[in-house]
């Protein structure tokens, strides 16, 4: 049960990191490493939150 949730969260985090790198190339806002880390964490945690909330609703 936990494994598919974590895999989905990691894939979401990777997608967000990649997207942020493309945006960074266009805007040059932050250092690239910090941008990748923040984007990955945002995508990962957001995905975990969404899956947790949705799974609670499905059980009810």
Protein backbone atom coordinates (compact mmCIF):
# COMPACT_ATOMS: atom_id res chain seq x y z
CA UNK A 1 0.00 0.00 0.00
CA UNK A 2 2.73 2.46 0.94
CA UNK A 3 5.01 1.61 -2.00
CA UNK A 4 2.68 2.84 -4.81
CA UNK A 5 2.01 6.03 -2.85
CA UNK A 6 5.73 6.74 -2.44
CA UNK A 7 6.44 5.89 -6.09
CA UNK A 8 3.76 8.31 -7.22
CA UNK A 9 5.08 11.00 -4.89
CA UNK A 10 8.67 10.54 -6.13
CA UNK A 11 7.54 10.73 -9.77
CA UNK A 12 5.56 13.88 -9.02
CA UNK A 13 8.59 15.38 -7.26
CA UNK A 14 10.84 14.55 -10.22
CA UNK A 15 8.38 16.09 -12.66
CA UNK A 16 8.17 19.26 -10.57
CA UNK A 17 11.96 19.46 -10.37
CA UNK A 18 12.34 19.08 -14.11
CA UNK A 19 9.68 21.66 -14.79
CA UNK A 20 11.32 24.06 -12.35
CA UNK A 21 14.68 23.68 -14.10
CA UNK A 22 13.06 24.69 -17.39
CA UNK A 23 11.47 27.71 -15.71
CA UNK A 24 14.81 28.55 -14.08
CA UNK A 25 16.54 28.52 -17.46
CA UNK A 26 14.01 31.07 -18.68
CA UNK A 27 14.01 33.30 -15.59
CA UNK A 28 17.21 32.58 -13.60
CA UNK A 29 15.49 33.11 -10.22
CA UNK A 30 17.40 30.90 -7.75
CA UNK A 31 20.49 28.73 -7.65
CA UNK A 32 19.63 25.60 -9.64
CA UNK A 33 20.36 23.13 -6.81
CA UNK A 34 18.10 24.96 -4.36
CA UNK A 35 15.39 25.24 -6.99
CA UNK A 36 15.50 21.50 -7.70
CA UNK A 37 15.40 20.65 -4.00
CA UNK A 38 12.51 22.99 -3.21
CA UNK A 39 10.55 21.87 -6.27
CA UNK A 40 11.07 18.19 -5.50
CA UNK A 41 10.03 18.64 -1.88
CA UNK A 42 6.95 20.61 -2.94
CA UNK A 43 5.85 18.01 -5.47
CA UNK A 44 6.63 15.07 -3.17
CA UNK A 45 4.84 16.47 -0.14
CA UNK A 46 1.93 17.76 -2.21
CA UNK A 47 1.44 14.35 -3.75
CA UNK A 48 1.59 12.62 -0.37
CA UNK A 49 -0.94 15.07 1.04
CA UNK A 50 -3.34 14.65 -1.88
CA UNK A 51 -3.14 10.87 -1.81
CA UNK A 52 -3.67 10.79 1.94
CA UNK A 53 -6.72 13.03 1.73
CA UNK A 54 -8.17 11.11 -1.21
CA UNK A 55 -7.64 7.72 0.41
CA UNK A 56 -9.41 8.93 3.56
CA UNK A 57 -12.38 10.07 1.48
CA UNK A 58 -12.54 6.73 -0.35
CA UNK A 59 -12.71 4.82 2.95
CA UNK A 60 -15.72 6.86 4.16
